[in-house]
Amino acid sequence: MLRANHGGAEVPCTLLFADVRGSTSLAERLPPREFNRLMGRFYDAGAKVLIEHDAWVDKFVGDEIIGIFVPALATEAHARRGVDAALALLRATGYGSASGPWVPVGVGVNTGIAYVGSIGEESDTELTAMGDIVNVTARLSSVAAAGEILVGAAAADAAGLVAELERRSLELKGKTEPVDVVVLHPYPAA
């Protein structure tokens, strides 16, 4: 279908990148089958959360899951849905619980305009998002500490995050200007 209907459009959307922190060390310490089970459990938890929050699972990349929230699925509240999904994903991996996390995860969430559509040629065609928003979200995820969500300023504003939350200005690899973020941590479940 993607080959037959090649194309896309620039659309406002929210991206979520969730990255297992220290996966290289985990893979070194765990037998391959056990590491595979851990990552499978993470992918399953992440995919469930993303789908429940009206995103589509873009892909699994190494130790990361990527979700895309577009208005057609997540409504105009896509930024709020992305932030809520990030919090839910950390809770699903044990953050905020008495027993603690079963896998260390850091999350980046960002909102902006991206090209969303099919890319590639022939049998290598896939549906994805491309543009600066994607790169920035990936960078946010890569610098988020375990148990931390870094939300780009545009996403924080669109999601209605309160001004009293922790804010940072980050120097991100490849970016010429600092990127302002709001920092979130999951609260214990009520």
N, C-alpha and C. Protein backbone atom coordinates (compact mmCIF):
# COMPACT_ATOMS: atom_id res chain seq x y z
N MET A 1 0.82 -1.19 0.00
CA MET A 1 0.00 0.00 0.00
C MET A 1 0.87 1.25 0.00
N LEU A 2 1.95 1.27 0.81
CA LEU A 2 2.80 2.45 0.86
C LEU A 2 3.50 2.71 -0.47
N ARG A 3 3.90 1.64 -1.16
CA ARG A 3 4.54 1.82 -2.47
C ARG A 3 3.54 2.38 -3.47
N ALA A 4 2.30 1.91 -3.42
CA ALA A 4 1.28 2.35 -4.36
C ALA A 4 0.79 3.77 -4.06
N ASN A 5 0.88 4.19 -2.82
CA ASN A 5 0.39 5.51 -2.40
C ASN A 5 1.51 6.32 -1.79
N HIS A 6 2.63 6.36 -2.46
CA HIS A 6 3.82 7.05 -1.95
C HIS A 6 3.52 8.54 -1.79
N GLY A 7 3.85 9.08 -0.64
CA GLY A 7 3.65 10.51 -0.41
C GLY A 7 3.44 10.80 1.05
N GLY A 8 3.15 12.04 1.34
CA GLY A 8 2.93 12.47 2.71
C GLY A 8 2.69 13.97 2.74
N ALA A 9 2.77 14.54 3.92
CA ALA A 9 2.52 15.97 4.09
C ALA A 9 3.23 16.47 5.33
N GLU A 10 3.46 17.76 5.37
CA GLU A 10 3.96 18.39 6.58
C GLU A 10 2.77 18.62 7.49
N VAL A 11 2.82 18.04 8.69
CA VAL A 11 1.70 18.14 9.61
C VAL A 11 2.20 18.45 11.03
N PRO A 12 1.37 19.13 11.81
CA PRO A 12 1.72 19.28 13.22
C PRO A 12 1.57 17.94 13.90
N CYS A 13 2.51 17.58 14.74
CA CYS A 13 2.43 16.30 15.43
C CYS A 13 3.31 16.34 16.68
N THR A 14 3.20 15.31 17.47
CA THR A 14 4.02 15.14 18.66
C THR A 14 4.72 13.80 18.54
N LEU A 15 5.99 13.80 18.89
CA LEU A 15 6.78 12.56 18.87
C LEU A 15 7.20 12.19 20.27
N LEU A 16 7.32 10.90 20.50
CA LEU A 16 7.80 10.37 21.77
C LEU A 16 8.87 9.34 21.45
N PHE A 17 10.04 9.54 22.01
CA PHE A 17 11.13 8.56 21.91
C PHE A 17 11.41 8.09 23.33
N ALA A 18 11.36 6.80 23.56
CA ALA A 18 11.67 6.23 24.87
C ALA A 18 12.86 5.29 24.70
N ASP A 19 13.88 5.54 25.50
CA ASP A 19 15.17 4.86 25.34
C ASP A 19 15.54 4.12 26.62
N VAL A 20 15.95 2.87 26.48
CA VAL A 20 16.45 2.12 27.64
C VAL A 20 17.85 2.63 27.93
N ARG A 21 18.02 3.17 29.13
CA ARG A 21 19.31 3.72 29.54
C ARG A 21 20.25 2.58 29.87
N GLY A 22 21.49 2.68 29.42
CA GLY A 22 22.49 1.69 29.77
C GLY A 22 22.26 0.32 29.18
N SER A 23 21.63 0.25 28.00
CA SER A 23 21.32 -1.06 27.42
C SER A 23 22.57 -1.84 27.03
N THR A 24 23.64 -1.13 26.69
CA THR A 24 24.88 -1.83 26.36
C THR A 24 25.39 -2.59 27.56
N SER A 25 25.37 -1.95 28.73
CA SER A 25 25.79 -2.63 29.97
C SER A 25 24.85 -3.76 30.33
N LEU A 26 23.55 -3.54 30.13
CA LEU A 26 22.57 -4.61 30.40
C LEU A 26 22.86 -5.82 29.51
N ALA A 27 23.09 -5.57 28.22
CA ALA A 27 23.35 -6.67 27.29
C ALA A 27 24.64 -7.40 27.64
N GLU A 28 25.59 -6.68 28.19
CA GLU A 28 26.86 -7.29 28.59
C GLU A 28 26.68 -8.21 29.80
N ARG A 29 25.80 -7.79 30.73
CA ARG A 29 25.60 -8.54 31.97
C ARG A 29 24.63 -9.70 31.83
N LEU A 30 23.65 -9.57 30.95
CA LEU A 30 22.59 -10.58 30.84
C LEU A 30 22.89 -11.57 29.71
N PRO A 31 22.45 -12.81 29.89
CA PRO A 31 22.53 -13.75 28.76
C PRO A 31 21.66 -13.20 27.61
N PRO A 32 22.01 -13.48 26.37
CA PRO A 32 21.27 -12.93 25.23
C PRO A 32 19.76 -13.18 25.29
N ARG A 33 19.36 -14.38 25.68
CA ARG A 33 17.92 -14.69 25.74
C ARG A 33 17.22 -13.82 26.79
N GLU A 34 17.87 -13.62 27.93
CA GLU A 34 17.27 -12.80 28.99
C GLU A 34 17.19 -11.33 28.56
N PHE A 35 18.24 -10.85 27.89
CA PHE A 35 18.22 -9.47 27.38
C PHE A 35 17.10 -9.32 26.35
N ASN A 36 16.94 -10.30 25.48
CA ASN A 36 15.87 -10.28 24.49
C ASN A 36 14.50 -10.22 25.18
N ARG A 37 14.32 -11.00 26.24
CA ARG A 37 13.04 -10.99 26.97
C ARG A 37 12.79 -9.62 27.61
N LEU A 38 13.83 -9.04 28.19
CA LEU A 38 13.70 -7.72 28.81
C LEU A 38 13.29 -6.67 27.76
N MET A 39 13.97 -6.68 26.63
CA MET A 39 13.64 -5.72 25.57
C MET A 39 12.25 -5.99 25.00
N GLY A 40 11.88 -7.26 24.85
CA GLY A 40 10.54 -7.60 24.39
C GLY A 40 9.47 -7.09 25.34
N ARG A 41 9.73 -7.24 26.63
CA ARG A 41 8.78 -6.74 27.63
C ARG A 41 8.67 -5.21 27.53
N PHE A 42 9.80 -4.52 27.34
CA PHE A 42 9.80 -3.07 27.18
C PHE A 42 9.02 -2.67 25.92
N TYR A 43 9.29 -3.33 24.79
CA TYR A 43 8.58 -3.01 23.55
C TYR A 43 7.08 -3.25 23.70
N ASP A 44 6.71 -4.36 24.35
CA ASP A 44 5.28 -4.66 24.55
C ASP A 44 4.62 -3.59 25.41
N ALA A 45 5.27 -3.22 26.52
CA ALA A 45 4.71 -2.19 27.41
C ALA A 45 4.60 -0.86 26.67
N GLY A 46 5.65 -0.50 25.94
CA GLY A 46 5.65 0.76 25.21
C GLY A 46 4.60 0.81 24.12
N ALA A 47 4.50 -0.25 23.34
CA ALA A 47 3.50 -0.29 22.26
C ALA A 47 2.09 -0.20 22.83
N LYS A 48 1.83 -0.90 23.92
CA LYS A 48 0.50 -0.86 24.54
C LYS A 48 0.16 0.56 24.98
N VAL A 49 1.11 1.22 25.64
CA VAL A 49 0.88 2.59 26.11
C VAL A 49 0.65 3.53 24.93
N LEU A 50 1.48 3.43 23.92
CA LEU A 50 1.33 4.33 22.76
C LEU A 50 -0.02 4.15 22.09
N ILE A 51 -0.42 2.92 21.87
CA ILE A 51 -1.70 2.65 21.23
C ILE A 51 -2.86 3.15 22.10
N GLU A 52 -2.78 2.93 23.41
CA GLU A 52 -3.82 3.40 24.33
C GLU A 52 -3.94 4.92 24.32
N HIS A 53 -2.87 5.62 23.92
CA HIS A 53 -2.87 7.08 23.90
C HIS A 53 -2.98 7.63 22.48
N ASP A 54 -3.48 6.81 21.56
CA ASP A 54 -3.80 7.22 20.20
C ASP A 54 -2.60 7.62 19.36
N ALA A 55 -1.46 6.97 19.60
CA ALA A 55 -0.28 7.16 18.75
C ALA A 55 -0.15 5.96 17.84
N TRP A 56 0.69 6.08 16.87
CA TRP A 56 1.08 4.88 16.15
C TRP A 56 2.54 4.61 16.49
N VAL A 57 2.83 3.32 16.62
CA VAL A 57 4.19 2.90 16.92
C VAL A 57 4.96 3.00 15.62
N ASP A 58 5.87 3.96 15.57
CA ASP A 58 6.66 4.15 14.35
C ASP A 58 7.63 3.01 14.16
N LYS A 59 8.40 2.74 15.20
CA LYS A 59 9.37 1.63 15.09
C LYS A 59 10.03 1.35 16.42
N PHE A 60 10.68 0.20 16.45
CA PHE A 60 11.61 -0.17 17.51
C PHE A 60 12.99 -0.01 16.90
N VAL A 61 13.85 0.75 17.53
CA VAL A 61 15.20 0.97 17.02
C VAL A 61 16.17 0.62 18.12
N GLY A 62 16.80 -0.53 18.01
CA GLY A 62 17.75 -0.95 19.04
C GLY A 62 17.10 -1.04 20.39
N ASP A 63 17.39 -0.09 21.27
CA ASP A 63 16.85 -0.09 22.63
C ASP A 63 15.81 1.01 22.82
N GLU A 64 15.14 1.38 21.73
CA GLU A 64 14.24 2.54 21.75
C GLU A 64 12.93 2.21 21.05
N ILE A 65 11.87 2.86 21.54
CA ILE A 65 10.57 2.80 20.86
C ILE A 65 10.18 4.22 20.49
N ILE A 66 9.61 4.38 19.31
CA ILE A 66 9.24 5.69 18.81
C ILE A 66 7.75 5.69 18.51
N GLY A 67 7.05 6.70 19.04
CA GLY A 67 5.63 6.87 18.78
C GLY A 67 5.36 8.22 18.15
N ILE A 68 4.36 8.25 17.26
CA ILE A 68 3.97 9.49 16.59
C ILE A 68 2.50 9.74 16.87
N PHE A 69 2.21 10.96 17.32
CA PHE A 69 0.85 11.40 17.64
C PHE A 69 0.46 12.45 16.60
N VAL A 70 -0.47 12.10 15.74
CA VAL A 70 -0.94 13.03 14.72
C VAL A 70 -2.38 13.43 15.04
N PRO A 71 -2.81 14.64 14.64
CA PRO A 71 -4.17 15.07 14.94
C PRO A 71 -5.26 14.12 14.46
N ALA A 72 -5.04 13.44 13.35
CA ALA A 72 -6.07 12.53 12.82
C ALA A 72 -6.38 11.38 13.78
N LEU A 73 -5.41 10.99 14.61
CA LEU A 73 -5.63 9.92 15.59
C LEU A 73 -5.76 10.45 17.01
N ALA A 74 -4.87 11.34 17.37
CA ALA A 74 -4.79 11.82 18.76
C ALA A 74 -5.50 13.15 18.97
N THR A 75 -6.18 13.65 17.98
CA THR A 75 -6.90 14.92 17.98
C THR A 75 -5.92 16.09 18.10
N GLU A 76 -6.45 17.28 18.20
CA GLU A 76 -5.60 18.47 18.35
C GLU A 76 -4.88 18.47 19.69
N ALA A 77 -5.27 17.57 20.59
CA ALA A 77 -4.62 17.44 21.90
C ALA A 77 -3.44 16.47 21.82
N HIS A 78 -2.81 16.33 20.64
CA HIS A 78 -1.73 15.36 20.47
C HIS A 78 -0.57 15.61 21.42
N ALA A 79 -0.26 16.86 21.75
CA ALA A 79 0.84 17.13 22.70
C ALA A 79 0.49 16.60 24.08
N ARG A 80 -0.73 16.83 24.53
CA ARG A 80 -1.17 16.33 25.84
C ARG A 80 -1.15 14.81 25.85
N ARG A 81 -1.60 14.19 24.73
CA ARG A 81 -1.60 12.74 24.64
C ARG A 81 -0.16 12.20 24.71
N GLY A 82 0.77 12.91 24.07
CA GLY A 82 2.17 12.49 24.11
C GLY A 82 2.76 12.56 25.50
N VAL A 83 2.49 13.65 26.22
CA VAL A 83 2.98 13.80 27.59
C VAL A 83 2.35 12.74 28.49
N ASP A 84 1.04 12.54 28.35
CA ASP A 84 0.36 11.52 29.16
C ASP A 84 0.92 10.12 28.87
N ALA A 85 1.22 9.85 27.60
CA ALA A 85 1.79 8.55 27.23
C ALA A 85 3.18 8.38 27.84
N ALA A 86 3.97 9.44 27.86
CA ALA A 86 5.32 9.36 28.45
C ALA A 86 5.22 9.02 29.94
N LEU A 87 4.32 9.68 30.64
CA LEU A 87 4.13 9.39 32.06
C LEU A 87 3.63 7.96 32.26
N ALA A 88 2.68 7.54 31.43
CA ALA A 88 2.14 6.18 31.53
C ALA A 88 3.22 5.14 31.22
N LEU A 89 4.10 5.43 30.27
CA LEU A 89 5.16 4.48 29.93
C LEU A 89 6.13 4.32 31.09
N LEU A 90 6.49 5.41 31.74
CA LEU A 90 7.38 5.27 32.90
C LEU A 90 6.69 4.50 34.02
N ARG A 91 5.41 4.75 34.23
CA ARG A 91 4.69 3.98 35.25
C ARG A 91 4.62 2.50 34.87
N ALA A 92 4.41 2.22 33.57
CA ALA A 92 4.32 0.83 33.11
C ALA A 92 5.65 0.09 33.27
N THR A 93 6.74 0.83 33.33
CA THR A 93 8.05 0.21 33.52
C THR A 93 8.49 0.27 34.99
N GLY A 94 7.56 0.66 35.87
CA GLY A 94 7.80 0.56 37.31
C GLY A 94 8.16 1.85 38.02
N TYR A 95 8.32 2.94 37.30
CA TYR A 95 8.63 4.21 37.98
C TYR A 95 7.41 4.68 38.75
N GLY A 96 7.65 5.19 39.93
CA GLY A 96 6.56 5.64 40.79
C GLY A 96 5.93 4.54 41.61
N SER A 97 6.39 3.30 41.44
CA SER A 97 5.83 2.19 42.21
C SER A 97 6.74 1.86 43.38
N ALA A 98 6.21 1.15 44.35
CA ALA A 98 6.99 0.78 45.53
C ALA A 98 8.16 -0.13 45.16
N SER A 99 7.97 -1.00 44.15
CA SER A 99 9.04 -1.93 43.78
C SER A 99 10.08 -1.30 42.86
N GLY A 100 9.79 -0.14 42.30
CA GLY A 100 10.75 0.55 41.44
C GLY A 100 10.76 0.01 40.02
N PRO A 101 11.55 0.62 39.14
CA PRO A 101 11.56 0.24 37.73
C PRO A 101 12.20 -1.11 37.48
N TRP A 102 11.67 -1.83 36.51
CA TRP A 102 12.25 -3.10 36.09
C TRP A 102 13.17 -2.91 34.88
N VAL A 103 13.18 -1.70 34.30
CA VAL A 103 14.10 -1.35 33.23
C VAL A 103 14.32 0.16 33.30
N PRO A 104 15.57 0.64 33.12
CA PRO A 104 15.82 2.08 33.18
C PRO A 104 15.46 2.76 31.85
N VAL A 105 14.53 3.74 31.91
CA VAL A 105 14.03 4.37 30.69
C VAL A 105 14.08 5.89 30.83
N GLY A 106 14.52 6.56 29.77
CA GLY A 106 14.45 8.01 29.65
C GLY A 106 13.60 8.33 28.43
N VAL A 107 12.84 9.43 28.48
CA VAL A 107 11.87 9.74 27.43
C VAL A 107 12.04 11.19 26.96
N GLY A 108 11.90 11.38 25.65
CA GLY A 108 11.82 12.72 25.06
C GLY A 108 10.49 12.88 24.35
N VAL A 109 9.86 14.04 24.52
CA VAL A 109 8.59 14.36 23.86
C VAL A 109 8.75 15.75 23.23
N ASN A 110 8.30 15.89 21.99
CA ASN A 110 8.44 17.17 21.31
C ASN A 110 7.29 17.35 20.33
N THR A 111 6.92 18.59 20.09
CA THR A 111 5.82 18.94 19.20
C THR A 111 6.31 19.91 18.14
N GLY A 112 5.83 19.76 16.92
CA GLY A 112 6.17 20.67 15.84
C GLY A 112 5.65 20.14 14.52
N ILE A 113 6.19 20.70 13.46
CA ILE A 113 5.81 20.28 12.11
C ILE A 113 6.82 19.25 11.62
N ALA A 114 6.31 18.14 11.12
CA ALA A 114 7.17 17.10 10.54
C ALA A 114 6.57 16.65 9.22
N TYR A 115 7.41 16.13 8.36
CA TYR A 115 6.91 15.45 7.17
C TYR A 115 6.49 14.07 7.65
N VAL A 116 5.22 13.74 7.46
CA VAL A 116 4.70 12.44 7.84
C VAL A 116 4.21 11.76 6.57
N GLY A 117 4.80 10.62 6.28
CA GLY A 117 4.39 9.91 5.08
C GLY A 117 5.31 8.76 4.78
N SER A 118 5.21 8.28 3.56
CA SER A 118 6.03 7.14 3.16
C SER A 118 7.37 7.64 2.66
N ILE A 119 8.40 6.90 3.03
CA ILE A 119 9.75 7.19 2.57
C ILE A 119 10.35 5.91 2.03
N GLY A 120 11.40 6.05 1.27
CA GLY A 120 12.06 4.87 0.72
C GLY A 120 11.49 4.51 -0.63
N GLU A 121 12.05 3.47 -1.17
CA GLU A 121 11.67 3.01 -2.50
C GLU A 121 11.50 1.50 -2.49
N GLU A 122 10.75 1.03 -3.47
CA GLU A 122 10.58 -0.40 -3.68
C GLU A 122 10.10 -1.10 -2.41
N SER A 123 10.76 -2.19 -2.04
CA SER A 123 10.31 -2.97 -0.88
C SER A 123 10.75 -2.35 0.45
N ASP A 124 11.57 -1.30 0.40
CA ASP A 124 12.04 -0.64 1.63
C ASP A 124 11.22 0.58 2.01
N THR A 125 10.00 0.68 1.54
CA THR A 125 9.13 1.82 1.85
C THR A 125 8.51 1.63 3.23
N GLU A 126 8.51 2.71 4.01
CA GLU A 126 7.86 2.66 5.32
C GLU A 126 7.21 4.00 5.63
N LEU A 127 6.28 3.99 6.56
CA LEU A 127 5.59 5.19 7.02
C LEU A 127 6.32 5.70 8.24
N THR A 128 6.68 6.99 8.23
CA THR A 128 7.44 7.56 9.34
C THR A 128 7.29 9.08 9.34
N ALA A 129 8.01 9.73 10.24
CA ALA A 129 8.07 11.19 10.30
C ALA A 129 9.52 11.61 10.12
N MET A 130 9.70 12.77 9.48
CA MET A 130 11.05 13.29 9.27
C MET A 130 11.06 14.80 9.49
N GLY A 131 12.22 15.30 9.91
CA GLY A 131 12.40 16.73 10.09
C GLY A 131 13.09 17.05 11.39
N ASP A 132 13.28 18.32 11.65
CA ASP A 132 14.00 18.76 12.84
C ASP A 132 13.34 18.28 14.12
N ILE A 133 12.01 18.28 14.16
CA ILE A 133 11.31 17.82 15.37
C ILE A 133 11.70 16.39 15.73
N VAL A 134 11.89 15.56 14.71
CA VAL A 134 12.27 14.16 14.95
C VAL A 134 13.67 14.11 15.56
N ASN A 135 14.58 14.85 14.96
CA ASN A 135 15.96 14.86 15.46
C ASN A 135 16.04 15.40 16.89
N VAL A 136 15.32 16.48 17.17
CA VAL A 136 15.34 17.05 18.51
C VAL A 136 14.75 16.07 19.53
N THR A 137 13.66 15.41 19.17
CA THR A 137 13.05 14.44 20.09
C THR A 137 14.02 13.30 20.38
N ALA A 138 14.71 12.82 19.36
CA ALA A 138 15.70 11.76 19.56
C ALA A 138 16.81 12.23 20.50
N ARG A 139 17.26 13.46 20.33
CA ARG A 139 18.31 14.00 21.20
C ARG A 139 17.81 14.16 22.63
N LEU A 140 16.56 14.60 22.80
CA LEU A 140 16.00 14.72 24.15
C LEU A 140 15.99 13.37 24.84
N SER A 141 15.56 12.37 24.12
CA SER A 141 15.52 11.01 24.68
C SER A 141 16.92 10.55 25.06
N SER A 142 17.90 10.88 24.24
CA SER A 142 19.26 10.39 24.49
C SER A 142 19.91 11.05 25.71
N VAL A 143 19.43 12.24 26.11
CA VAL A 143 20.02 12.89 27.29
C VAL A 143 19.13 12.80 28.53
N ALA A 144 17.92 12.28 28.38
CA ALA A 144 17.03 12.11 29.54
C ALA A 144 17.59 11.04 30.46
N ALA A 145 17.64 11.34 31.73
CA ALA A 145 18.09 10.36 32.71
C ALA A 145 17.03 9.28 32.88
N ALA A 146 17.41 8.17 33.46
CA ALA A 146 16.44 7.12 33.76
C ALA A 146 15.35 7.69 34.67
N GLY A 147 14.11 7.46 34.30
CA GLY A 147 12.97 7.96 35.07
C GLY A 147 12.62 9.40 34.79
N GLU A 148 13.18 9.97 33.73
CA GLU A 148 12.99 11.39 33.42
C GLU A 148 12.35 11.55 32.05
N ILE A 149 11.47 12.54 31.94
CA ILE A 149 10.85 12.90 30.67
C ILE A 149 11.27 14.33 30.36
N LEU A 150 11.88 14.54 29.21
CA LEU A 150 12.24 15.88 28.77
C LEU A 150 11.24 16.28 27.68
N VAL A 151 10.47 17.33 27.96
CA VAL A 151 9.39 17.77 27.07
C VAL A 151 9.81 19.10 26.45
N GLY A 152 9.91 19.13 25.12
CA GLY A 152 10.23 20.36 24.42
C GLY A 152 9.24 21.46 24.77
N ALA A 153 9.71 22.73 24.71
CA ALA A 153 8.88 23.87 25.12
C ALA A 153 7.56 23.93 24.36
N ALA A 154 7.57 23.68 23.05
CA ALA A 154 6.33 23.73 22.28
C ALA A 154 5.34 22.68 22.75
N ALA A 155 5.83 21.47 23.03
CA ALA A 155 4.96 20.41 23.53
C ALA A 155 4.44 20.76 24.92
N ALA A 156 5.31 21.29 25.78
CA ALA A 156 4.90 21.67 27.13
C ALA A 156 3.81 22.73 27.09
N ASP A 157 3.99 23.73 26.24
CA ASP A 157 2.97 24.78 26.11
C ASP A 157 1.66 24.22 25.58
N ALA A 158 1.74 23.41 24.51
CA ALA A 158 0.53 22.85 23.91
C ALA A 158 -0.18 21.88 24.86
N ALA A 159 0.59 21.21 25.73
CA ALA A 159 0.00 20.26 26.68
C ALA A 159 -0.50 20.95 27.94
N GLY A 160 -0.22 22.24 28.08
CA GLY A 160 -0.70 22.98 29.25
C GLY A 160 0.07 22.68 30.52
N LEU A 161 1.35 22.34 30.40
CA LEU A 161 2.14 22.07 31.61
C LEU A 161 2.37 23.37 32.37
N VAL A 162 2.26 23.29 33.66
CA VAL A 162 2.32 24.50 34.50
C VAL A 162 3.72 25.08 34.56
N ALA A 163 3.78 26.37 34.75
CA ALA A 163 5.05 27.11 34.75
C ALA A 163 5.96 26.72 35.91
N GLU A 164 5.40 26.17 36.98
CA GLU A 164 6.19 25.85 38.18
C GLU A 164 7.06 24.61 38.02
N LEU A 165 6.89 23.88 36.95
CA LEU A 165 7.69 22.67 36.75
C LEU A 165 9.13 23.04 36.43
N GLU A 166 10.03 22.10 36.72
CA GLU A 166 11.45 22.31 36.44
C GLU A 166 11.66 22.55 34.95
N ARG A 167 12.49 23.53 34.64
CA ARG A 167 12.83 23.86 33.25
C ARG A 167 14.34 23.86 33.09
N ARG A 168 14.78 23.46 31.90
CA ARG A 168 16.20 23.47 31.58
C ARG A 168 16.38 24.01 30.16
N SER A 169 17.56 24.51 29.89
CA SER A 169 17.96 24.87 28.54
C SER A 169 19.13 23.96 28.20
N LEU A 170 18.99 23.14 27.16
CA LEU A 170 19.97 22.09 26.86
C LEU A 170 20.72 22.37 25.57
N GLU A 171 21.99 22.09 25.60
CA GLU A 171 22.82 22.10 24.40
C GLU A 171 22.74 20.68 23.84
N LEU A 172 22.11 20.53 22.68
CA LEU A 172 21.95 19.21 22.09
C LEU A 172 22.88 19.04 20.90
N LYS A 173 23.41 17.86 20.77
CA LYS A 173 24.32 17.53 19.67
C LYS A 173 23.69 17.91 18.33
N GLY A 174 24.45 18.68 17.54
CA GLY A 174 24.00 19.05 16.20
C GLY A 174 23.12 20.27 16.13
N LYS A 175 22.66 20.78 17.27
CA LYS A 175 21.78 21.96 17.28
C LYS A 175 22.63 23.22 17.51
N THR A 176 22.31 24.29 16.79
CA THR A 176 23.07 25.53 16.92
C THR A 176 22.61 26.36 18.11
N GLU A 177 21.37 26.18 18.53
CA GLU A 177 20.81 26.94 19.64
C GLU A 177 20.38 25.99 20.76
N PRO A 178 20.43 26.46 22.01
CA PRO A 178 19.93 25.61 23.12
C PRO A 178 18.44 25.31 22.93
N VAL A 179 18.02 24.18 23.47
CA VAL A 179 16.63 23.75 23.40
C VAL A 179 16.05 23.80 24.81
N ASP A 180 14.95 24.54 24.97
CA ASP A 180 14.29 24.66 26.27
C ASP A 180 13.34 23.49 26.47
N VAL A 181 13.38 22.93 27.69
CA VAL A 181 12.54 21.78 28.03
C VAL A 181 11.93 21.93 29.40
N VAL A 182 10.86 21.20 29.60
CA VAL A 182 10.25 21.00 30.92
C VAL A 182 10.60 19.57 31.33
N VAL A 183 10.94 19.40 32.58
CA VAL A 183 11.36 18.08 33.10
C VAL A 183 10.23 17.50 33.93
N LEU A 184 9.85 16.28 33.60
CA LEU A 184 8.79 15.57 34.35
C LEU A 184 9.33 14.27 34.91
N HIS A 185 8.77 13.88 36.03
CA HIS A 185 9.02 12.59 36.66
C HIS A 185 7.65 12.02 37.05
N PRO A 186 7.45 10.73 36.91
CA PRO A 186 6.14 10.17 37.27
C PRO A 186 5.95 10.21 38.79
N TYR A 187 4.77 10.54 39.18
CA TYR A 187 4.42 10.49 40.60
C TYR A 187 3.89 9.10 40.91
N PRO A 188 4.00 8.68 42.15
CA PRO A 188 3.44 7.37 42.50
C PRO A 188 1.97 7.29 42.13
N ALA A 189 1.56 6.14 41.65
CA ALA A 189 0.16 5.94 41.30
C ALA A 189 -0.72 6.10 42.52
N ALA A 190 -1.86 6.72 42.33
CA ALA A 190 -2.78 6.96 43.44
C ALA A 190 -3.53 5.71 43.84
